[in-house]
């Protein structure tokens, strides 16, 4: 299998971490790509977004929740727990993905000229970021649960939040979440996802500069 990814993408990182957690790294080669400037990906994914997973039969899967579910089936459902814990894990995955989306949207929109419409959009994304952080902070039982897909999505989103929006200073507002993240990011899967060239993937193909978003 081949994984098209961009180093900064929190969704790419979620899938990279998932691959490592599931011990599938030797079955996946990486193709580093900038989906904003390189049209190579579009023949596999019409939306030209990362991550995209090219399967051995030539078909492709895209959107990180879909890819994560496929990978989990290959490893005996190690990251998506059985019912009744299934829905909690997937709900937290959605919160992590929603946080990442809000951070991306806020960052991109703040690059444009400021006007009332843009300010409203940015304000809405900041409200989403705050609400998601508060939800995760005020119901912390999930932090003690066995690692699942929800944990990976949240951690990758927080890592992206740190890198893209440090001025939000989220750790002051969410000390329990910050403490959990400090420990969780030390997992080998998170370290390799942040710098996959140090990992155990079958091959690394880096033909293009990294994406900026």
N, C-alpha and C. Protein backbone atom coordinates (compact mmCIF):
# COMPACT_ATOMS: atom_id res chain seq x y z
N UNK A 1 0.84 -1.20 0.00
CA UNK A 1 0.00 0.00 0.00
C UNK A 1 0.87 1.24 0.00
N UNK A 2 0.34 2.32 -0.55
CA UNK A 2 1.04 3.61 -0.55
C UNK A 2 0.16 4.65 0.13
N UNK A 3 0.77 5.42 1.02
CA UNK A 3 0.06 6.49 1.69
C UNK A 3 0.58 7.83 1.18
N UNK A 4 -0.29 8.60 0.53
CA UNK A 4 0.04 9.97 0.15
C UNK A 4 -0.24 10.84 1.37
N UNK A 5 0.78 11.60 1.78
CA UNK A 5 0.64 12.38 3.00
C UNK A 5 1.37 13.71 2.87
N UNK A 6 1.00 14.65 3.73
CA UNK A 6 1.71 15.93 3.86
C UNK A 6 2.15 16.06 5.31
N UNK A 7 3.39 16.41 5.56
CA UNK A 7 3.91 16.40 6.92
C UNK A 7 3.13 17.24 7.93
N UNK A 8 2.62 18.39 7.51
CA UNK A 8 1.92 19.26 8.45
C UNK A 8 0.48 18.85 8.69
N UNK A 9 -0.08 18.06 7.82
CA UNK A 9 -1.49 17.72 7.92
C UNK A 9 -1.79 16.91 9.17
N UNK A 10 -2.69 17.39 10.05
CA UNK A 10 -3.02 16.60 11.24
C UNK A 10 -3.74 15.30 10.88
N UNK A 11 -4.42 15.27 9.75
CA UNK A 11 -5.11 14.05 9.33
C UNK A 11 -4.11 13.03 8.81
N UNK A 12 -3.07 13.49 8.11
CA UNK A 12 -1.98 12.59 7.72
C UNK A 12 -1.31 12.01 8.95
N UNK A 13 -1.07 12.86 9.94
CA UNK A 13 -0.40 12.38 11.14
C UNK A 13 -1.24 11.35 11.88
N UNK A 14 -2.55 11.57 11.89
CA UNK A 14 -3.42 10.60 12.54
C UNK A 14 -3.27 9.23 11.88
N UNK A 15 -3.21 9.20 10.55
CA UNK A 15 -3.09 7.92 9.86
C UNK A 15 -1.68 7.34 10.03
N UNK A 16 -0.67 8.15 10.01
CA UNK A 16 0.68 7.65 10.26
C UNK A 16 0.77 7.03 11.65
N UNK A 17 0.22 7.71 12.65
CA UNK A 17 0.22 7.16 14.01
C UNK A 17 -0.59 5.88 14.08
N UNK A 18 -1.70 5.84 13.38
CA UNK A 18 -2.54 4.64 13.34
C UNK A 18 -1.76 3.46 12.76
N UNK A 19 -1.05 3.69 11.67
CA UNK A 19 -0.27 2.64 11.04
C UNK A 19 0.77 2.07 12.01
N UNK A 20 1.44 2.96 12.73
CA UNK A 20 2.46 2.50 13.69
C UNK A 20 1.82 1.75 14.84
N UNK A 21 0.73 2.29 15.39
CA UNK A 21 0.04 1.61 16.49
C UNK A 21 -0.42 0.21 16.10
N UNK A 22 -0.83 0.07 14.85
CA UNK A 22 -1.35 -1.22 14.38
C UNK A 22 -0.26 -2.14 13.83
N UNK A 23 0.99 -1.70 13.90
CA UNK A 23 2.13 -2.50 13.45
C UNK A 23 2.01 -2.86 11.97
N UNK A 24 1.62 -1.86 11.17
CA UNK A 24 1.46 -2.07 9.73
C UNK A 24 2.51 -1.32 8.91
N UNK A 25 3.50 -0.74 9.57
CA UNK A 25 4.44 0.13 8.87
C UNK A 25 5.18 -0.59 7.75
N UNK A 26 5.47 -1.87 7.92
CA UNK A 26 6.21 -2.58 6.88
C UNK A 26 5.36 -2.86 5.65
N UNK A 27 4.06 -2.62 5.75
CA UNK A 27 3.17 -2.86 4.61
C UNK A 27 2.81 -1.58 3.86
N UNK A 28 3.37 -0.45 4.30
CA UNK A 28 2.98 0.84 3.72
C UNK A 28 4.22 1.61 3.30
N UNK A 29 4.24 2.10 2.07
CA UNK A 29 5.26 3.04 1.66
C UNK A 29 4.65 4.43 1.60
N UNK A 30 5.47 5.43 1.90
CA UNK A 30 4.99 6.79 2.01
C UNK A 30 5.33 7.61 0.78
N UNK A 31 4.38 8.41 0.34
CA UNK A 31 4.60 9.34 -0.75
C UNK A 31 4.28 10.73 -0.21
N UNK A 32 5.30 11.50 0.00
CA UNK A 32 5.14 12.86 0.52
C UNK A 32 4.77 13.78 -0.63
N UNK A 33 3.72 14.58 -0.43
CA UNK A 33 3.18 15.36 -1.53
C UNK A 33 2.59 16.67 -1.01
N UNK A 34 2.59 17.69 -1.83
CA UNK A 34 1.92 18.94 -1.53
C UNK A 34 0.63 18.98 -2.34
N UNK A 35 -0.51 18.69 -1.73
CA UNK A 35 -1.76 18.62 -2.49
C UNK A 35 -2.23 19.96 -3.02
N UNK A 36 -1.64 21.04 -2.53
CA UNK A 36 -2.04 22.38 -2.99
C UNK A 36 -1.42 22.72 -4.34
N UNK A 37 -0.29 22.11 -4.63
CA UNK A 37 0.42 22.50 -5.86
C UNK A 37 0.68 21.34 -6.81
N UNK A 38 0.52 20.12 -6.35
CA UNK A 38 0.84 18.94 -7.16
C UNK A 38 -0.45 18.22 -7.53
N UNK A 39 -0.70 18.08 -8.81
CA UNK A 39 -1.92 17.43 -9.28
C UNK A 39 -1.79 15.91 -9.39
N UNK A 40 -0.62 15.37 -9.03
CA UNK A 40 -0.40 13.93 -9.14
C UNK A 40 -1.46 13.14 -8.38
N UNK A 41 -1.84 13.65 -7.23
CA UNK A 41 -2.76 12.93 -6.35
C UNK A 41 -4.17 12.83 -6.92
N UNK A 42 -4.55 13.76 -7.80
CA UNK A 42 -5.95 13.84 -8.23
C UNK A 42 -6.41 12.60 -9.01
N UNK A 43 -5.48 11.89 -9.62
CA UNK A 43 -5.91 10.69 -10.36
C UNK A 43 -6.35 9.57 -9.42
N UNK A 44 -5.93 9.66 -8.15
CA UNK A 44 -6.36 8.69 -7.15
C UNK A 44 -7.50 9.22 -6.28
N UNK A 45 -7.45 10.52 -5.99
CA UNK A 45 -8.45 11.16 -5.14
C UNK A 45 -8.92 12.42 -5.85
N UNK A 46 -10.14 12.46 -6.36
CA UNK A 46 -10.60 13.62 -7.13
C UNK A 46 -10.52 14.93 -6.35
N UNK A 47 -10.62 14.84 -5.03
CA UNK A 47 -10.53 16.06 -4.21
C UNK A 47 -9.09 16.49 -4.00
N UNK A 48 -8.13 15.64 -4.36
CA UNK A 48 -6.69 15.91 -4.21
C UNK A 48 -6.36 16.34 -2.78
N UNK A 49 -6.78 15.51 -1.83
CA UNK A 49 -6.51 15.79 -0.42
C UNK A 49 -5.73 14.65 0.21
N UNK A 50 -4.98 15.00 1.25
CA UNK A 50 -4.28 13.99 2.05
C UNK A 50 -5.03 13.83 3.37
N UNK A 51 -4.93 12.61 3.93
CA UNK A 51 -4.25 11.43 3.40
C UNK A 51 -5.09 10.69 2.37
N UNK A 52 -4.42 10.02 1.47
CA UNK A 52 -5.04 9.11 0.52
C UNK A 52 -4.25 7.81 0.56
N UNK A 53 -4.95 6.69 0.68
CA UNK A 53 -4.29 5.39 0.75
C UNK A 53 -4.56 4.62 -0.53
N UNK A 54 -3.48 4.31 -1.26
CA UNK A 54 -3.57 3.53 -2.49
C UNK A 54 -3.39 2.06 -2.14
N UNK A 55 -4.41 1.27 -2.42
CA UNK A 55 -4.38 -0.14 -2.07
C UNK A 55 -3.63 -0.96 -3.11
N UNK A 56 -3.34 -2.18 -2.77
CA UNK A 56 -2.55 -3.04 -3.67
C UNK A 56 -3.28 -3.35 -4.97
N UNK A 57 -4.61 -3.27 -4.97
CA UNK A 57 -5.36 -3.55 -6.20
C UNK A 57 -5.53 -2.32 -7.08
N UNK A 58 -4.90 -1.19 -6.69
CA UNK A 58 -4.95 0.02 -7.48
C UNK A 58 -6.07 0.96 -7.11
N UNK A 59 -7.00 0.53 -6.27
CA UNK A 59 -8.07 1.42 -5.81
C UNK A 59 -7.55 2.27 -4.66
N UNK A 60 -8.28 3.34 -4.34
CA UNK A 60 -7.81 4.27 -3.31
C UNK A 60 -8.90 4.52 -2.29
N UNK A 61 -8.47 4.75 -1.06
CA UNK A 61 -9.35 5.18 0.02
C UNK A 61 -8.92 6.58 0.44
N UNK A 62 -9.89 7.42 0.74
CA UNK A 62 -9.54 8.77 1.19
C UNK A 62 -10.51 9.22 2.27
N UNK A 63 -10.06 10.25 2.97
CA UNK A 63 -10.67 10.78 4.17
C UNK A 63 -10.17 9.94 5.34
N UNK A 64 -9.57 10.59 6.32
CA UNK A 64 -8.87 9.84 7.36
C UNK A 64 -9.76 8.88 8.16
N UNK A 65 -11.03 9.20 8.46
CA UNK A 65 -11.84 8.20 9.17
C UNK A 65 -12.02 6.92 8.38
N UNK A 66 -12.20 7.03 7.07
CA UNK A 66 -12.36 5.84 6.23
C UNK A 66 -11.06 5.02 6.22
N UNK A 67 -9.95 5.69 6.03
CA UNK A 67 -8.66 4.99 6.00
C UNK A 67 -8.39 4.32 7.35
N UNK A 68 -8.67 5.02 8.43
CA UNK A 68 -8.42 4.46 9.76
C UNK A 68 -9.24 3.20 9.99
N UNK A 69 -10.48 3.22 9.56
CA UNK A 69 -11.34 2.04 9.74
C UNK A 69 -10.82 0.86 8.91
N UNK A 70 -10.38 1.13 7.70
CA UNK A 70 -9.84 0.06 6.86
C UNK A 70 -8.61 -0.55 7.51
N UNK A 71 -7.70 0.30 7.97
CA UNK A 71 -6.48 -0.21 8.60
C UNK A 71 -6.79 -1.00 9.86
N UNK A 72 -7.77 -0.53 10.60
CA UNK A 72 -8.13 -1.23 11.84
C UNK A 72 -8.65 -2.63 11.55
N UNK A 73 -9.37 -2.79 10.44
CA UNK A 73 -9.87 -4.12 10.09
C UNK A 73 -8.72 -5.07 9.74
N UNK A 74 -7.63 -4.52 9.22
CA UNK A 74 -6.49 -5.36 8.87
C UNK A 74 -5.78 -5.91 10.10
N UNK A 75 -6.00 -5.27 11.23
CA UNK A 75 -5.27 -5.64 12.45
C UNK A 75 -6.19 -6.15 13.56
N UNK A 76 -7.36 -6.60 13.19
CA UNK A 76 -8.23 -7.19 14.19
C UNK A 76 -8.89 -6.21 15.13
N UNK A 77 -9.17 -5.01 14.64
CA UNK A 77 -9.92 -4.01 15.40
C UNK A 77 -9.22 -3.68 16.72
N UNK A 78 -8.00 -3.23 16.62
CA UNK A 78 -7.22 -2.89 17.80
C UNK A 78 -7.45 -1.47 18.28
N UNK A 79 -7.85 -0.56 17.39
CA UNK A 79 -8.00 0.86 17.77
C UNK A 79 -9.45 1.32 17.82
N UNK A 80 -10.38 0.52 17.32
CA UNK A 80 -11.80 0.83 17.46
C UNK A 80 -12.39 -0.25 18.36
N UNK A 81 -12.65 0.08 19.62
CA UNK A 81 -13.08 -0.94 20.58
C UNK A 81 -14.48 -1.45 20.27
N UNK A 82 -14.84 -2.58 20.81
CA UNK A 82 -16.18 -3.13 20.58
C UNK A 82 -17.25 -2.32 21.31
N UNK A 83 -18.49 -2.52 20.90
CA UNK A 83 -19.64 -1.92 21.57
C UNK A 83 -19.63 -2.38 23.03
N UNK A 84 -19.92 -1.49 24.01
CA UNK A 84 -20.47 -0.15 23.82
C UNK A 84 -19.43 0.96 23.72
N UNK A 85 -18.12 0.62 23.80
CA UNK A 85 -17.10 1.67 23.79
C UNK A 85 -16.83 2.21 22.39
N UNK A 86 -17.37 1.55 21.37
CA UNK A 86 -17.16 1.99 19.99
C UNK A 86 -17.53 3.45 19.80
N UNK A 87 -18.71 3.80 20.27
CA UNK A 87 -19.24 5.13 19.95
C UNK A 87 -18.51 6.23 20.69
N UNK A 88 -18.01 5.92 21.88
CA UNK A 88 -17.21 6.92 22.59
C UNK A 88 -15.91 7.18 21.84
N UNK A 89 -15.26 6.12 21.37
CA UNK A 89 -14.01 6.29 20.62
C UNK A 89 -14.23 7.08 19.34
N UNK A 90 -15.30 6.75 18.61
CA UNK A 90 -15.57 7.45 17.35
C UNK A 90 -16.02 8.88 17.59
N UNK A 91 -16.74 9.11 18.69
CA UNK A 91 -17.12 10.48 19.04
C UNK A 91 -15.88 11.33 19.32
N UNK A 92 -14.92 10.74 20.03
CA UNK A 92 -13.69 11.49 20.31
C UNK A 92 -12.85 11.67 19.04
N UNK A 93 -12.89 10.69 18.15
CA UNK A 93 -12.21 10.90 16.86
C UNK A 93 -12.82 12.10 16.15
N UNK A 94 -14.16 12.19 16.16
CA UNK A 94 -14.84 13.32 15.50
C UNK A 94 -14.48 14.64 16.17
N UNK A 95 -14.35 14.64 17.50
CA UNK A 95 -13.94 15.87 18.19
C UNK A 95 -12.52 16.26 17.79
N UNK A 96 -11.62 15.29 17.72
CA UNK A 96 -10.26 15.59 17.30
C UNK A 96 -10.21 16.11 15.87
N UNK A 97 -10.94 15.46 14.98
CA UNK A 97 -10.97 15.91 13.58
C UNK A 97 -11.61 17.29 13.47
N UNK A 98 -12.67 17.52 14.26
CA UNK A 98 -13.31 18.83 14.24
C UNK A 98 -12.39 19.93 14.74
N UNK A 99 -11.60 19.61 15.76
CA UNK A 99 -10.61 20.57 16.26
C UNK A 99 -9.58 20.88 15.18
N UNK A 100 -9.07 19.85 14.52
CA UNK A 100 -8.09 20.07 13.46
C UNK A 100 -8.67 20.92 12.33
N UNK A 101 -9.90 20.62 11.93
CA UNK A 101 -10.55 21.40 10.87
C UNK A 101 -10.68 22.86 11.26
N UNK A 102 -11.08 23.13 12.51
CA UNK A 102 -11.25 24.51 12.95
C UNK A 102 -9.93 25.25 12.98
N UNK A 103 -8.86 24.58 13.40
CA UNK A 103 -7.55 25.23 13.43
C UNK A 103 -7.08 25.54 12.01
N UNK A 104 -7.27 24.59 11.09
CA UNK A 104 -6.89 24.83 9.69
C UNK A 104 -7.66 26.02 9.13
N UNK A 105 -8.98 26.01 9.31
CA UNK A 105 -9.82 27.07 8.75
C UNK A 105 -9.45 28.42 9.33
N UNK A 106 -9.23 28.47 10.63
CA UNK A 106 -8.84 29.74 11.26
C UNK A 106 -7.51 30.24 10.70
N UNK A 107 -6.55 29.34 10.56
CA UNK A 107 -5.23 29.74 10.07
C UNK A 107 -5.32 30.27 8.64
N UNK A 108 -6.01 29.53 7.78
CA UNK A 108 -6.10 29.92 6.37
C UNK A 108 -6.86 31.24 6.21
N UNK A 109 -7.98 31.37 6.91
CA UNK A 109 -8.79 32.58 6.76
C UNK A 109 -8.08 33.82 7.30
N UNK A 110 -7.26 33.66 8.30
CA UNK A 110 -6.53 34.82 8.84
C UNK A 110 -5.43 35.31 7.91
N UNK A 111 -5.11 34.50 6.88
CA UNK A 111 -4.13 34.94 5.89
C UNK A 111 -4.71 35.97 4.93
N UNK A 112 -6.04 36.01 4.82
CA UNK A 112 -6.69 36.91 3.87
C UNK A 112 -6.89 38.30 4.44
N UNK A 113 -7.38 39.22 3.60
CA UNK A 113 -7.67 40.58 4.08
C UNK A 113 -8.81 40.58 5.08
N UNK A 114 -8.68 41.37 6.11
CA UNK A 114 -9.69 41.39 7.16
C UNK A 114 -10.90 42.20 6.73
N UNK A 115 -12.06 41.61 6.93
CA UNK A 115 -13.32 42.32 6.75
C UNK A 115 -14.32 41.69 7.71
N UNK A 116 -15.54 42.22 7.74
CA UNK A 116 -16.52 41.73 8.72
C UNK A 116 -16.84 40.26 8.51
N UNK A 117 -16.98 39.84 7.25
CA UNK A 117 -17.31 38.45 6.99
C UNK A 117 -16.21 37.53 7.47
N UNK A 118 -14.97 37.88 7.14
CA UNK A 118 -13.84 37.06 7.53
C UNK A 118 -13.70 37.01 9.05
N UNK A 119 -13.91 38.15 9.69
CA UNK A 119 -13.81 38.17 11.15
C UNK A 119 -14.86 37.26 11.78
N UNK A 120 -16.04 37.20 11.20
CA UNK A 120 -17.09 36.31 11.73
C UNK A 120 -16.69 34.85 11.57
N UNK A 121 -16.09 34.53 10.42
CA UNK A 121 -15.65 33.15 10.18
C UNK A 121 -14.58 32.75 11.19
N UNK A 122 -13.60 33.62 11.39
CA UNK A 122 -12.53 33.34 12.34
C UNK A 122 -13.09 33.19 13.75
N UNK A 123 -14.00 34.07 14.12
CA UNK A 123 -14.62 34.00 15.44
C UNK A 123 -15.36 32.68 15.64
N UNK A 124 -16.03 32.22 14.59
CA UNK A 124 -16.75 30.96 14.67
C UNK A 124 -15.78 29.79 14.86
N UNK A 125 -14.65 29.80 14.17
CA UNK A 125 -13.67 28.73 14.33
C UNK A 125 -13.06 28.76 15.73
N UNK A 126 -12.80 29.94 16.24
CA UNK A 126 -12.25 30.04 17.59
C UNK A 126 -13.25 29.55 18.63
N UNK A 127 -14.53 29.80 18.39
CA UNK A 127 -15.56 29.29 19.30
C UNK A 127 -15.59 27.76 19.28
N UNK A 128 -15.42 27.17 18.10
CA UNK A 128 -15.38 25.71 17.98
C UNK A 128 -14.16 25.15 18.70
N UNK A 129 -13.01 25.78 18.52
CA UNK A 129 -11.78 25.32 19.19
C UNK A 129 -11.97 25.34 20.70
N UNK A 130 -12.48 26.44 21.22
CA UNK A 130 -12.68 26.57 22.66
C UNK A 130 -13.67 25.54 23.19
N UNK A 131 -14.77 25.36 22.48
CA UNK A 131 -15.80 24.43 22.93
C UNK A 131 -15.29 22.99 22.95
N UNK A 132 -14.53 22.61 21.93
CA UNK A 132 -13.99 21.24 21.88
C UNK A 132 -12.98 21.02 23.00
N UNK A 133 -12.10 21.99 23.21
CA UNK A 133 -11.14 21.87 24.30
C UNK A 133 -11.85 21.76 25.64
N UNK A 134 -12.89 22.56 25.84
CA UNK A 134 -13.64 22.51 27.10
C UNK A 134 -14.32 21.16 27.28
N UNK A 135 -14.88 20.61 26.21
CA UNK A 135 -15.53 19.30 26.31
C UNK A 135 -14.52 18.23 26.73
N UNK A 136 -13.36 18.25 26.13
CA UNK A 136 -12.34 17.26 26.46
C UNK A 136 -11.78 17.45 27.86
N UNK A 137 -11.69 18.69 28.30
CA UNK A 137 -11.14 19.01 29.62
C UNK A 137 -12.10 18.65 30.75
N UNK A 138 -13.37 18.88 30.55
CA UNK A 138 -14.33 18.75 31.65
C UNK A 138 -14.90 17.34 31.79
N UNK A 139 -14.60 16.46 30.88
CA UNK A 139 -15.02 15.06 30.98
C UNK A 139 -13.80 14.18 30.72
N UNK A 140 -12.84 14.15 31.68
CA UNK A 140 -11.52 13.59 31.40
C UNK A 140 -11.39 12.08 31.57
N UNK A 141 -12.46 11.35 31.82
CA UNK A 141 -12.34 9.91 32.03
C UNK A 141 -11.69 9.21 30.84
N UNK A 142 -11.92 9.73 29.64
CA UNK A 142 -11.37 9.12 28.44
C UNK A 142 -9.84 9.07 28.45
N UNK A 143 -9.23 9.97 29.21
CA UNK A 143 -7.77 10.02 29.24
C UNK A 143 -7.16 8.76 29.84
N UNK A 144 -7.94 8.06 30.67
CA UNK A 144 -7.44 6.84 31.33
C UNK A 144 -7.81 5.57 30.56
N UNK A 145 -8.57 5.70 29.50
CA UNK A 145 -9.00 4.53 28.74
C UNK A 145 -7.85 3.99 27.89
N UNK A 146 -7.90 2.71 27.52
CA UNK A 146 -6.89 2.16 26.61
C UNK A 146 -6.85 2.97 25.30
N UNK A 147 -5.67 3.10 24.75
CA UNK A 147 -5.49 3.92 23.55
C UNK A 147 -6.36 3.43 22.41
N UNK A 148 -7.10 4.37 21.81
CA UNK A 148 -7.94 4.05 20.67
C UNK A 148 -7.81 5.16 19.63
N UNK A 149 -8.61 5.05 18.58
CA UNK A 149 -8.53 6.01 17.48
C UNK A 149 -8.85 7.43 17.93
N UNK A 150 -9.75 7.54 18.91
CA UNK A 150 -10.08 8.86 19.42
C UNK A 150 -8.89 9.56 20.05
N UNK A 151 -8.09 8.82 20.81
CA UNK A 151 -6.90 9.42 21.41
C UNK A 151 -5.94 9.93 20.34
N UNK A 152 -5.75 9.15 19.29
CA UNK A 152 -4.82 9.56 18.23
C UNK A 152 -5.31 10.81 17.52
N UNK A 153 -6.61 10.88 17.24
CA UNK A 153 -7.15 12.06 16.55
C UNK A 153 -7.00 13.30 17.40
N UNK A 154 -7.28 13.18 18.69
CA UNK A 154 -7.16 14.33 19.59
C UNK A 154 -5.71 14.78 19.70
N UNK A 155 -4.80 13.84 19.89
CA UNK A 155 -3.40 14.20 20.06
C UNK A 155 -2.83 14.86 18.81
N UNK A 156 -3.17 14.36 17.64
CA UNK A 156 -2.67 14.95 16.40
C UNK A 156 -3.26 16.35 16.18
N UNK A 157 -4.51 16.54 16.57
CA UNK A 157 -5.12 17.87 16.46
C UNK A 157 -4.46 18.85 17.42
N UNK A 158 -4.17 18.40 18.65
CA UNK A 158 -3.52 19.28 19.61
C UNK A 158 -2.11 19.64 19.16
N UNK A 159 -1.42 18.69 18.57
CA UNK A 159 -0.08 18.97 18.05
C UNK A 159 -0.16 20.03 16.95
N UNK A 160 -1.17 19.92 16.09
CA UNK A 160 -1.35 20.92 15.03
C UNK A 160 -1.73 22.28 15.63
N UNK A 161 -2.57 22.27 16.65
CA UNK A 161 -2.94 23.51 17.32
C UNK A 161 -1.71 24.19 17.91
N UNK A 162 -0.84 23.42 18.53
CA UNK A 162 0.41 23.96 19.07
C UNK A 162 1.23 24.64 17.98
N UNK A 163 1.35 23.97 16.83
CA UNK A 163 2.21 24.48 15.77
C UNK A 163 1.63 25.65 15.01
N UNK A 164 0.32 25.65 14.79
CA UNK A 164 -0.31 26.67 13.95
C UNK A 164 -0.84 27.87 14.72
N UNK A 165 -1.25 27.65 15.96
CA UNK A 165 -1.90 28.74 16.70
C UNK A 165 -1.40 28.83 18.13
N UNK A 166 -0.10 28.98 18.33
CA UNK A 166 0.42 29.05 19.70
C UNK A 166 -0.11 30.24 20.47
N UNK A 167 -0.54 31.27 19.75
CA UNK A 167 -1.03 32.47 20.42
C UNK A 167 -2.33 32.23 21.19
N UNK A 168 -3.02 31.13 20.91
CA UNK A 168 -4.25 30.81 21.64
C UNK A 168 -3.97 30.31 23.06
N UNK A 169 -2.73 29.88 23.30
CA UNK A 169 -2.31 29.51 24.65
C UNK A 169 -3.30 28.55 25.31
N UNK A 170 -3.67 27.50 24.61
CA UNK A 170 -4.73 26.61 25.06
C UNK A 170 -4.39 25.84 26.32
N UNK A 171 -3.12 25.62 26.59
CA UNK A 171 -2.72 24.79 27.72
C UNK A 171 -3.06 25.45 29.06
N UNK A 172 -3.07 26.77 29.09
CA UNK A 172 -3.45 27.47 30.31
C UNK A 172 -4.91 27.24 30.64
N UNK A 173 -5.75 27.21 29.61
CA UNK A 173 -7.18 27.01 29.79
C UNK A 173 -7.52 25.55 30.08
N UNK A 174 -6.70 24.62 29.61
CA UNK A 174 -7.03 23.19 29.69
C UNK A 174 -5.86 22.42 30.31
N UNK A 175 -5.60 22.58 31.60
CA UNK A 175 -4.41 21.95 32.20
C UNK A 175 -4.45 20.42 32.22
N UNK A 176 -5.62 19.82 32.43
CA UNK A 176 -5.69 18.36 32.41
C UNK A 176 -5.38 17.82 31.02
N UNK A 177 -5.96 18.46 30.02
CA UNK A 177 -5.72 18.06 28.64
C UNK A 177 -4.25 18.26 28.27
N UNK A 178 -3.67 19.36 28.72
CA UNK A 178 -2.27 19.63 28.44
C UNK A 178 -1.36 18.57 29.06
N UNK A 179 -1.67 18.16 30.29
CA UNK A 179 -0.86 17.14 30.95
C UNK A 179 -0.98 15.80 30.22
N UNK A 180 -2.21 15.46 29.82
CA UNK A 180 -2.39 14.22 29.06
C UNK A 180 -1.61 14.27 27.75
N UNK A 181 -1.70 15.38 27.05
CA UNK A 181 -1.02 15.52 25.76
C UNK A 181 0.49 15.44 25.92
N UNK A 182 1.00 16.02 26.97
CA UNK A 182 2.45 15.98 27.22
C UNK A 182 2.94 14.55 27.30
N UNK A 183 2.18 13.70 27.98
CA UNK A 183 2.57 12.29 28.11
C UNK A 183 2.31 11.52 26.82
N UNK A 184 1.16 11.75 26.21
CA UNK A 184 0.76 10.95 25.06
C UNK A 184 1.66 11.20 23.86
N UNK A 185 2.11 12.42 23.70
CA UNK A 185 2.92 12.72 22.52
C UNK A 185 4.28 12.03 22.57
N UNK A 186 4.64 11.45 23.71
CA UNK A 186 5.90 10.71 23.82
C UNK A 186 5.78 9.28 23.30
N UNK A 187 4.57 8.84 22.95
CA UNK A 187 4.41 7.50 22.40
C UNK A 187 5.22 7.37 21.10
N UNK A 188 5.80 6.21 20.83
CA UNK A 188 6.55 6.03 19.58
C UNK A 188 5.72 6.36 18.35
N UNK A 189 4.44 6.03 18.36
CA UNK A 189 3.62 6.30 17.18
C UNK A 189 3.52 7.80 16.90
N UNK A 190 3.45 8.60 17.95
CA UNK A 190 3.35 10.05 17.77
C UNK A 190 4.69 10.62 17.30
N UNK A 191 5.78 10.10 17.82
CA UNK A 191 7.09 10.59 17.40
C UNK A 191 7.36 10.25 15.94
N UNK A 192 7.01 9.04 15.54
CA UNK A 192 7.24 8.64 14.15
C UNK A 192 6.31 9.41 13.22
N UNK A 193 5.06 9.63 13.65
CA UNK A 193 4.12 10.40 12.82
C UNK A 193 4.63 11.81 12.58
N UNK A 194 5.30 12.39 13.57
CA UNK A 194 5.84 13.74 13.43
C UNK A 194 7.06 13.78 12.53
N UNK A 195 7.77 12.66 12.43
CA UNK A 195 8.98 12.60 11.61
C UNK A 195 9.12 11.18 11.07
N UNK A 196 8.29 10.81 10.08
CA UNK A 196 8.21 9.40 9.68
C UNK A 196 9.47 8.85 9.06
N UNK A 197 10.41 9.68 8.70
CA UNK A 197 11.65 9.15 8.14
C UNK A 197 12.43 8.36 9.18
N UNK A 198 12.13 8.58 10.48
CA UNK A 198 12.83 7.81 11.52
C UNK A 198 12.11 6.51 11.81
N UNK A 199 10.96 6.30 11.16
CA UNK A 199 10.15 5.13 11.46
C UNK A 199 10.60 3.90 10.72
N UNK A 200 9.72 2.92 10.68
CA UNK A 200 10.05 1.62 10.10
C UNK A 200 9.23 1.33 8.86
N UNK A 201 8.81 2.37 8.16
CA UNK A 201 8.03 2.18 6.94
C UNK A 201 8.89 1.54 5.86
N UNK A 202 8.21 0.83 4.96
CA UNK A 202 8.90 0.04 3.95
C UNK A 202 9.80 0.91 3.06
N UNK A 203 9.32 2.08 2.70
CA UNK A 203 10.14 2.97 1.89
C UNK A 203 9.62 4.39 2.06
N UNK A 204 10.49 5.33 1.82
CA UNK A 204 10.13 6.74 1.91
C UNK A 204 10.38 7.37 0.55
N UNK A 205 9.37 8.02 0.01
CA UNK A 205 9.50 8.70 -1.29
C UNK A 205 9.13 10.15 -1.06
N UNK A 206 10.11 11.05 -1.19
CA UNK A 206 9.86 12.45 -0.88
C UNK A 206 10.23 13.29 -2.11
N UNK A 207 9.37 13.32 -3.11
CA UNK A 207 9.70 14.03 -4.34
C UNK A 207 9.35 15.51 -4.33
N UNK A 208 8.61 15.98 -3.30
CA UNK A 208 8.11 17.35 -3.32
C UNK A 208 8.33 18.01 -1.97
N UNK A 209 8.36 19.35 -1.93
CA UNK A 209 8.49 20.04 -0.65
C UNK A 209 7.22 19.85 0.17
N UNK A 210 7.32 20.01 1.51
CA UNK A 210 6.16 19.78 2.37
C UNK A 210 5.07 20.78 2.18
N UNK A 211 3.84 20.35 2.42
CA UNK A 211 2.69 21.26 2.33
C UNK A 211 2.72 22.23 3.48
N UNK A 212 2.11 23.37 3.30
CA UNK A 212 2.11 24.42 4.31
C UNK A 212 0.88 24.40 5.20
N UNK A 213 -0.13 23.61 4.85
CA UNK A 213 -1.34 23.56 5.67
C UNK A 213 -1.65 22.12 6.02
